[in-house]
N, C-alpha and C. Protein backbone atom coordinates (compact mmCIF):
# COMPACT_ATOMS: atom_id res chain seq x y z
N MET A 1 -4.98 4.33 -12.40
CA MET A 1 -5.48 5.45 -11.55
C MET A 1 -5.57 5.05 -10.17
N ILE A 2 -4.85 5.87 -9.19
CA ILE A 2 -4.98 5.77 -7.75
C ILE A 2 -6.03 6.89 -6.97
N GLU A 3 -6.59 6.05 -6.02
CA GLU A 3 -7.73 6.88 -5.50
C GLU A 3 -7.08 7.07 -3.72
N GLU A 4 -7.08 7.92 -2.93
CA GLU A 4 -6.72 7.98 -1.62
C GLU A 4 -8.38 7.64 -1.02
N LEU A 5 -8.20 6.76 -0.06
CA LEU A 5 -9.25 6.35 0.81
C LEU A 5 -9.31 7.01 2.10
N ASP A 6 -10.44 7.01 2.78
CA ASP A 6 -10.51 7.64 3.99
C ASP A 6 -10.05 6.82 4.91
N ALA A 7 -9.13 7.25 5.86
CA ALA A 7 -8.79 6.59 6.76
C ALA A 7 -9.05 7.19 8.21
N ARG A 8 -9.32 6.03 9.48
CA ARG A 8 -9.90 6.58 10.37
C ARG A 8 -8.33 7.25 11.31
N SER A 9 -7.41 7.06 10.98
CA SER A 9 -6.18 7.89 12.00
C SER A 9 -5.07 8.24 10.92
N GLY A 10 -4.29 9.24 11.78
CA GLY A 10 -3.44 9.73 11.00
C GLY A 10 -1.73 8.99 10.53
N ASP A 11 -1.77 7.79 11.19
CA ASP A 11 -0.78 6.87 10.54
C ASP A 11 -1.11 5.93 9.61
N VAL A 12 -2.35 5.99 9.37
CA VAL A 12 -2.67 4.76 8.53
C VAL A 12 -3.43 5.26 7.47
N LEU A 13 -2.97 4.79 6.06
CA LEU A 13 -3.30 5.42 4.77
C LEU A 13 -3.95 4.55 3.97
N GLY A 14 -5.03 4.95 3.01
CA GLY A 14 -5.70 3.80 2.25
C GLY A 14 -5.55 4.31 0.89
N PHE A 15 -5.06 3.56 -0.31
CA PHE A 15 -5.06 3.69 -1.42
C PHE A 15 -5.96 2.66 -2.34
N LYS A 16 -6.53 3.03 -3.27
CA LYS A 16 -7.36 2.23 -4.19
C LYS A 16 -6.93 2.27 -5.65
N SER A 17 -6.81 0.93 -6.24
CA SER A 17 -5.97 1.36 -7.66
C SER A 17 -6.58 -0.05 -8.51
N ASP A 18 -6.83 0.29 -10.14
CA ASP A 18 -7.07 -0.44 -10.94
C ASP A 18 -5.88 -0.91 -11.83
N LYS A 19 -5.23 -0.01 -11.88
CA LYS A 19 -3.68 0.30 -12.76
C LYS A 19 -2.71 1.25 -12.29
N LEU A 20 -1.48 1.07 -12.07
CA LEU A 20 -0.74 2.08 -11.54
C LEU A 20 0.32 2.85 -12.40
N HIS A 21 0.08 3.87 -12.61
CA HIS A 21 1.08 4.69 -13.67
C HIS A 21 1.84 5.81 -12.83
N ASP A 22 2.82 6.08 -13.92
CA ASP A 22 4.07 7.15 -13.11
C ASP A 22 3.33 8.49 -12.44
N GLU A 23 2.44 8.86 -12.92
CA GLU A 23 1.32 10.15 -12.36
C GLU A 23 0.97 9.84 -10.86
N ASP A 24 0.56 8.45 -10.92
CA ASP A 24 0.09 7.95 -9.51
C ASP A 24 0.92 8.02 -8.60
N TYR A 25 2.06 7.99 -8.84
CA TYR A 25 3.39 7.88 -7.87
C TYR A 25 3.47 9.51 -7.31
N LYS A 26 3.51 10.34 -8.42
CA LYS A 26 3.54 11.95 -8.01
C LYS A 26 2.48 12.04 -6.77
N THR A 27 1.46 11.59 -6.99
CA THR A 27 0.16 11.86 -6.36
C THR A 27 0.57 11.02 -4.92
N PHE A 28 0.77 9.94 -4.86
CA PHE A 28 0.62 8.65 -3.97
C PHE A 28 2.07 9.01 -2.63
N VAL A 29 3.04 9.45 -3.33
CA VAL A 29 4.49 9.08 -2.45
C VAL A 29 4.30 10.61 -1.94
N PRO A 30 4.25 11.72 -2.40
CA PRO A 30 4.47 12.96 -1.35
C PRO A 30 3.25 12.73 -0.16
N ARG A 31 2.00 12.06 -0.50
CA ARG A 31 0.89 11.98 0.61
C ARG A 31 1.71 11.21 1.59
N VAL A 32 2.04 9.96 1.52
CA VAL A 32 2.88 9.03 2.12
C VAL A 32 4.05 9.74 2.76
N ASP A 33 4.90 10.64 2.14
CA ASP A 33 5.73 11.51 2.88
C ASP A 33 5.45 12.44 3.93
N GLU A 34 4.39 13.34 3.62
CA GLU A 34 3.81 14.02 4.66
C GLU A 34 3.06 13.08 5.67
N ALA A 35 2.71 11.95 5.69
CA ALA A 35 2.05 11.31 6.53
C ALA A 35 3.47 10.74 7.72
N ILE A 36 4.23 10.42 6.70
CA ILE A 36 5.47 10.30 7.70
C ILE A 36 6.23 11.28 8.38
N ALA A 37 6.40 12.34 7.88
CA ALA A 37 6.99 13.34 8.51
C ALA A 37 6.13 14.05 9.77
N SER A 38 4.56 13.49 9.62
CA SER A 38 3.83 14.10 10.76
C SER A 38 3.66 12.82 12.06
N GLU A 39 3.85 11.74 11.33
CA GLU A 39 3.45 10.75 12.27
C GLU A 39 4.92 9.68 12.59
N GLY A 40 5.97 9.68 11.93
CA GLY A 40 7.05 9.20 11.97
C GLY A 40 7.08 7.93 11.17
N LYS A 41 6.46 7.20 11.37
CA LYS A 41 5.84 5.94 10.45
C LYS A 41 4.51 5.63 10.35
N VAL A 42 4.28 5.16 9.13
CA VAL A 42 2.75 4.83 8.67
C VAL A 42 2.53 3.26 8.42
N ARG A 43 1.03 3.16 8.11
CA ARG A 43 0.51 1.91 7.84
C ARG A 43 -0.38 1.78 6.68
N ILE A 44 -0.23 1.17 5.72
CA ILE A 44 -0.74 1.34 4.35
C ILE A 44 -1.79 0.34 3.85
N LEU A 45 -2.83 0.35 3.45
CA LEU A 45 -3.90 -0.40 3.11
C LEU A 45 -3.56 0.01 1.44
N ALA A 46 -3.56 -1.14 0.66
CA ALA A 46 -3.40 -1.09 -0.75
C ALA A 46 -4.42 -2.16 -1.39
N TRP A 47 -5.57 -1.49 -2.06
CA TRP A 47 -6.53 -2.11 -2.54
C TRP A 47 -6.46 -2.00 -4.10
N PHE A 48 -6.12 -3.61 -4.56
CA PHE A 48 -6.15 -3.75 -5.96
C PHE A 48 -7.38 -4.17 -6.35
N HIS A 49 -8.15 -3.06 -6.87
CA HIS A 49 -9.38 -3.42 -7.48
C HIS A 49 -9.46 -3.54 -8.50
N ASP A 50 -10.10 -5.05 -9.59
CA ASP A 50 -9.98 -5.16 -11.03
C ASP A 50 -8.62 -4.73 -11.21
N PHE A 51 -7.40 -5.27 -10.74
CA PHE A 51 -5.99 -4.52 -11.04
C PHE A 51 -5.36 -4.92 -12.08
N HIS A 52 -4.91 -3.79 -13.28
CA HIS A 52 -4.30 -4.54 -14.18
C HIS A 52 -2.87 -4.26 -14.12
N GLY A 53 -2.08 -4.22 -13.08
CA GLY A 53 -0.70 -4.09 -13.26
C GLY A 53 0.07 -2.57 -13.21
N TRP A 54 0.99 -2.35 -13.51
CA TRP A 54 1.67 -1.16 -13.75
C TRP A 54 2.24 -0.87 -14.97
N ASP A 55 2.46 -0.05 -15.41
CA ASP A 55 3.12 0.50 -16.53
C ASP A 55 4.57 0.42 -16.37
N ALA A 56 5.41 0.66 -17.42
CA ALA A 56 6.78 0.06 -17.26
C ALA A 56 7.51 1.42 -16.29
N HIS A 57 7.04 2.72 -16.39
CA HIS A 57 7.46 3.80 -15.53
C HIS A 57 7.15 3.66 -14.13
N ALA A 58 5.90 3.05 -13.88
CA ALA A 58 5.30 3.03 -12.49
C ALA A 58 6.12 1.64 -12.04
N LEU A 59 6.34 0.77 -12.55
CA LEU A 59 7.00 -0.35 -12.06
C LEU A 59 8.22 0.16 -11.34
N TRP A 60 9.22 0.90 -12.01
CA TRP A 60 10.42 1.59 -11.87
C TRP A 60 10.09 2.32 -10.33
N ASP A 61 9.03 3.10 -10.31
CA ASP A 61 8.70 3.99 -9.24
C ASP A 61 8.25 2.88 -8.22
N ASP A 62 7.77 2.02 -8.23
CA ASP A 62 7.19 0.99 -6.98
C ASP A 62 8.60 0.78 -6.59
N ILE A 63 9.54 0.41 -7.15
CA ILE A 63 10.67 -0.22 -6.83
C ILE A 63 11.70 0.67 -5.75
N ASN A 64 11.55 1.91 -6.55
CA ASN A 64 12.23 3.14 -6.03
C ASN A 64 11.24 3.52 -4.74
N PHE A 65 10.25 3.21 -4.53
CA PHE A 65 9.51 3.64 -3.52
C PHE A 65 9.51 2.69 -2.26
N ALA A 66 9.80 1.59 -2.82
CA ALA A 66 9.99 0.47 -1.65
C ALA A 66 11.25 0.10 -0.90
N THR A 67 12.44 1.11 -1.81
CA THR A 67 13.39 1.14 -1.19
C THR A 67 14.08 2.23 -0.53
N THR A 68 13.16 3.31 -0.55
CA THR A 68 13.57 4.67 0.14
C THR A 68 12.29 4.66 1.23
N HIS A 69 11.45 3.85 1.37
CA HIS A 69 10.36 4.07 2.46
C HIS A 69 10.48 2.62 3.48
N CYS A 70 11.48 1.66 3.34
CA CYS A 70 11.11 0.33 3.80
C CYS A 70 11.19 0.51 5.34
N THR A 71 12.00 1.59 5.74
CA THR A 71 12.06 1.62 7.18
C THR A 71 10.95 2.54 7.80
N LYS A 72 10.10 3.02 6.82
CA LYS A 72 9.07 4.07 7.45
C LYS A 72 7.71 3.71 7.46
N ILE A 73 7.69 2.23 6.90
CA ILE A 73 6.27 1.76 7.07
C ILE A 73 6.30 0.42 7.69
N GLU A 74 5.22 0.32 8.68
CA GLU A 74 5.05 -0.58 9.78
C GLU A 74 4.44 -1.73 9.30
N ARG A 75 3.22 -1.51 8.62
CA ARG A 75 2.14 -2.58 8.07
C ARG A 75 1.84 -2.26 6.89
N ILE A 76 1.63 -3.41 6.04
CA ILE A 76 0.87 -3.09 4.56
C ILE A 76 -0.02 -4.20 4.70
N ALA A 77 -1.35 -3.36 4.22
CA ALA A 77 -2.36 -4.77 4.28
C ALA A 77 -2.62 -4.56 2.52
N LEU A 78 -2.47 -5.66 2.00
CA LEU A 78 -2.99 -5.79 0.55
C LEU A 78 -4.31 -6.28 0.44
N VAL A 79 -4.98 -5.83 -0.36
CA VAL A 79 -6.31 -5.92 -0.56
C VAL A 79 -6.91 -6.54 -1.84
N GLY A 80 -7.08 -7.73 -2.17
CA GLY A 80 -7.52 -7.98 -3.69
C GLY A 80 -8.49 -8.78 -4.00
N GLU A 81 -8.41 -9.15 -5.48
CA GLU A 81 -9.54 -9.94 -5.88
C GLU A 81 -9.03 -11.41 -6.42
N LYS A 82 -8.00 -11.39 -6.62
CA LYS A 82 -7.09 -12.60 -7.24
C LYS A 82 -6.08 -13.44 -6.81
N THR A 83 -5.77 -14.61 -7.22
CA THR A 83 -4.91 -15.42 -6.56
C THR A 83 -3.24 -14.83 -6.92
N TRP A 84 -3.16 -14.30 -7.84
CA TRP A 84 -1.45 -13.67 -8.23
C TRP A 84 -1.33 -12.24 -6.96
N GLU A 85 -2.37 -11.71 -6.63
CA GLU A 85 -2.30 -10.52 -5.59
C GLU A 85 -2.13 -11.09 -4.29
N LYS A 86 -2.49 -12.28 -3.84
CA LYS A 86 -2.35 -12.94 -2.88
C LYS A 86 -0.54 -13.44 -2.99
N TRP A 87 -0.33 -13.81 -4.01
CA TRP A 87 1.11 -14.30 -4.18
C TRP A 87 2.14 -12.87 -4.18
N MET A 88 1.63 -11.78 -4.61
CA MET A 88 2.51 -10.46 -4.38
C MET A 88 3.01 -10.39 -3.10
N ALA A 89 1.83 -10.36 -2.25
CA ALA A 89 1.87 -9.95 -0.94
C ALA A 89 3.35 -10.98 -0.36
N LYS A 90 3.43 -12.01 -0.73
CA LYS A 90 4.66 -13.00 -0.52
C LYS A 90 6.13 -12.52 -1.23
N VAL A 91 5.99 -12.41 -2.27
CA VAL A 91 7.16 -11.83 -3.05
C VAL A 91 7.70 -10.35 -2.55
N CYS A 92 6.50 -9.49 -2.27
CA CYS A 92 7.05 -7.94 -1.54
C CYS A 92 7.76 -8.09 -0.11
N ALA A 93 7.71 -9.17 0.58
CA ALA A 93 8.17 -9.29 1.68
C ALA A 93 9.54 -9.00 1.89
N PRO A 94 10.42 -9.50 1.05
CA PRO A 94 11.88 -9.28 1.17
C PRO A 94 12.21 -7.81 1.04
N PHE A 95 11.64 -6.75 0.52
CA PHE A 95 11.77 -5.90 0.10
C PHE A 95 11.37 -4.73 1.05
N THR A 96 11.10 -4.82 1.97
CA THR A 96 10.51 -4.09 2.89
C THR A 96 10.74 -4.57 4.60
N MET A 97 10.54 -3.77 5.46
CA MET A 97 10.83 -4.08 6.74
C MET A 97 9.56 -4.27 7.38
N ALA A 98 8.31 -3.88 6.93
CA ALA A 98 6.89 -3.70 6.99
C ALA A 98 6.46 -5.10 6.98
N LYS A 99 5.53 -5.47 8.07
CA LYS A 99 4.62 -6.28 8.18
C LYS A 99 3.69 -6.35 6.75
N ILE A 100 3.38 -7.60 6.05
CA ILE A 100 2.65 -7.52 5.06
C ILE A 100 1.23 -8.65 5.49
N LYS A 101 0.40 -8.47 5.01
CA LYS A 101 -0.70 -9.24 4.95
C LYS A 101 -1.68 -9.25 3.93
N TYR A 102 -2.37 -10.27 3.30
CA TYR A 102 -3.27 -10.11 2.20
C TYR A 102 -4.51 -10.45 2.94
N PHE A 103 -5.51 -9.79 2.35
CA PHE A 103 -7.06 -9.74 2.29
C PHE A 103 -7.88 -9.87 1.22
N ASP A 104 -8.46 -10.89 1.21
CA ASP A 104 -9.75 -10.64 0.10
C ASP A 104 -10.49 -9.39 0.11
N SER A 105 -11.28 -9.15 -1.11
CA SER A 105 -11.60 -7.63 -1.02
C SER A 105 -12.69 -7.73 -0.16
N GLY A 106 -13.46 -8.74 0.24
CA GLY A 106 -14.71 -8.93 1.21
C GLY A 106 -14.14 -8.70 2.64
N GLU A 107 -13.12 -8.96 2.70
CA GLU A 107 -12.34 -8.70 4.17
C GLU A 107 -11.64 -7.22 4.49
N ILE A 108 -12.17 -6.29 3.76
CA ILE A 108 -11.56 -4.96 3.77
C ILE A 108 -11.74 -4.29 5.08
N ASP A 109 -12.78 -4.53 5.73
CA ASP A 109 -12.87 -4.11 7.17
C ASP A 109 -11.83 -4.74 8.12
N ASN A 110 -11.73 -6.12 8.06
CA ASN A 110 -10.58 -6.64 8.99
C ASN A 110 -9.17 -6.18 8.11
N ALA A 111 -8.87 -5.87 7.19
CA ALA A 111 -7.57 -5.46 6.86
C ALA A 111 -7.35 -4.14 7.32
N TRP A 112 -8.57 -2.99 7.52
CA TRP A 112 -8.26 -1.67 8.19
C TRP A 112 -7.90 -2.15 9.51
N SER A 113 -8.79 -2.97 10.53
CA SER A 113 -8.83 -3.55 11.82
C SER A 113 -7.18 -3.61 11.95
N TRP A 114 -6.76 -4.80 11.11
CA TRP A 114 -5.36 -5.07 11.36
C TRP A 114 -4.35 -3.95 11.35
N LEU A 115 -4.27 -3.09 10.19
CA LEU A 115 -3.64 -2.04 10.40
C LEU A 115 -3.60 -1.07 11.65
N GLU A 116 -4.99 -1.01 12.28
CA GLU A 116 -5.43 -0.12 13.42
C GLU A 116 -4.66 -0.95 14.78
N GLU A 117 -4.39 -1.98 14.76
CA GLU A 117 -4.10 -2.89 15.88
C GLU A 117 -2.69 -2.20 16.46
N SER A 118 -2.55 -2.38 17.61
CA SER A 118 -1.40 -1.78 18.63
C SER A 118 -0.30 -3.12 18.10
N ASP A 119 1.07 -2.88 18.41
CA ASP A 119 2.14 -4.15 18.05
C ASP A 119 2.04 -4.87 19.59
């Protein structure tokens, strides 16, 4: 299930999830599209809390999202608790034009700050 987090500005969005399902993308993608329409480009915090991956349909949704939004996302802060999540930040890099950075869950304030920095 995905939960939207309170962000401090319109071009920065935050989401927390323990496992992603197809239904989550039906909530998440329109919210991102709305912010892109308003702000032009967005920055996203993705917090994987006790994360258990994607179901099969959600994995396809994720690939589709990455390919259709790759030029509209400036930065992605991946926040996690496991080594594979840190590795995932490196694997995702070729599929987006966004700058991607991994933060341990105890560094979530640093992740928000990084997203809010000007280039």
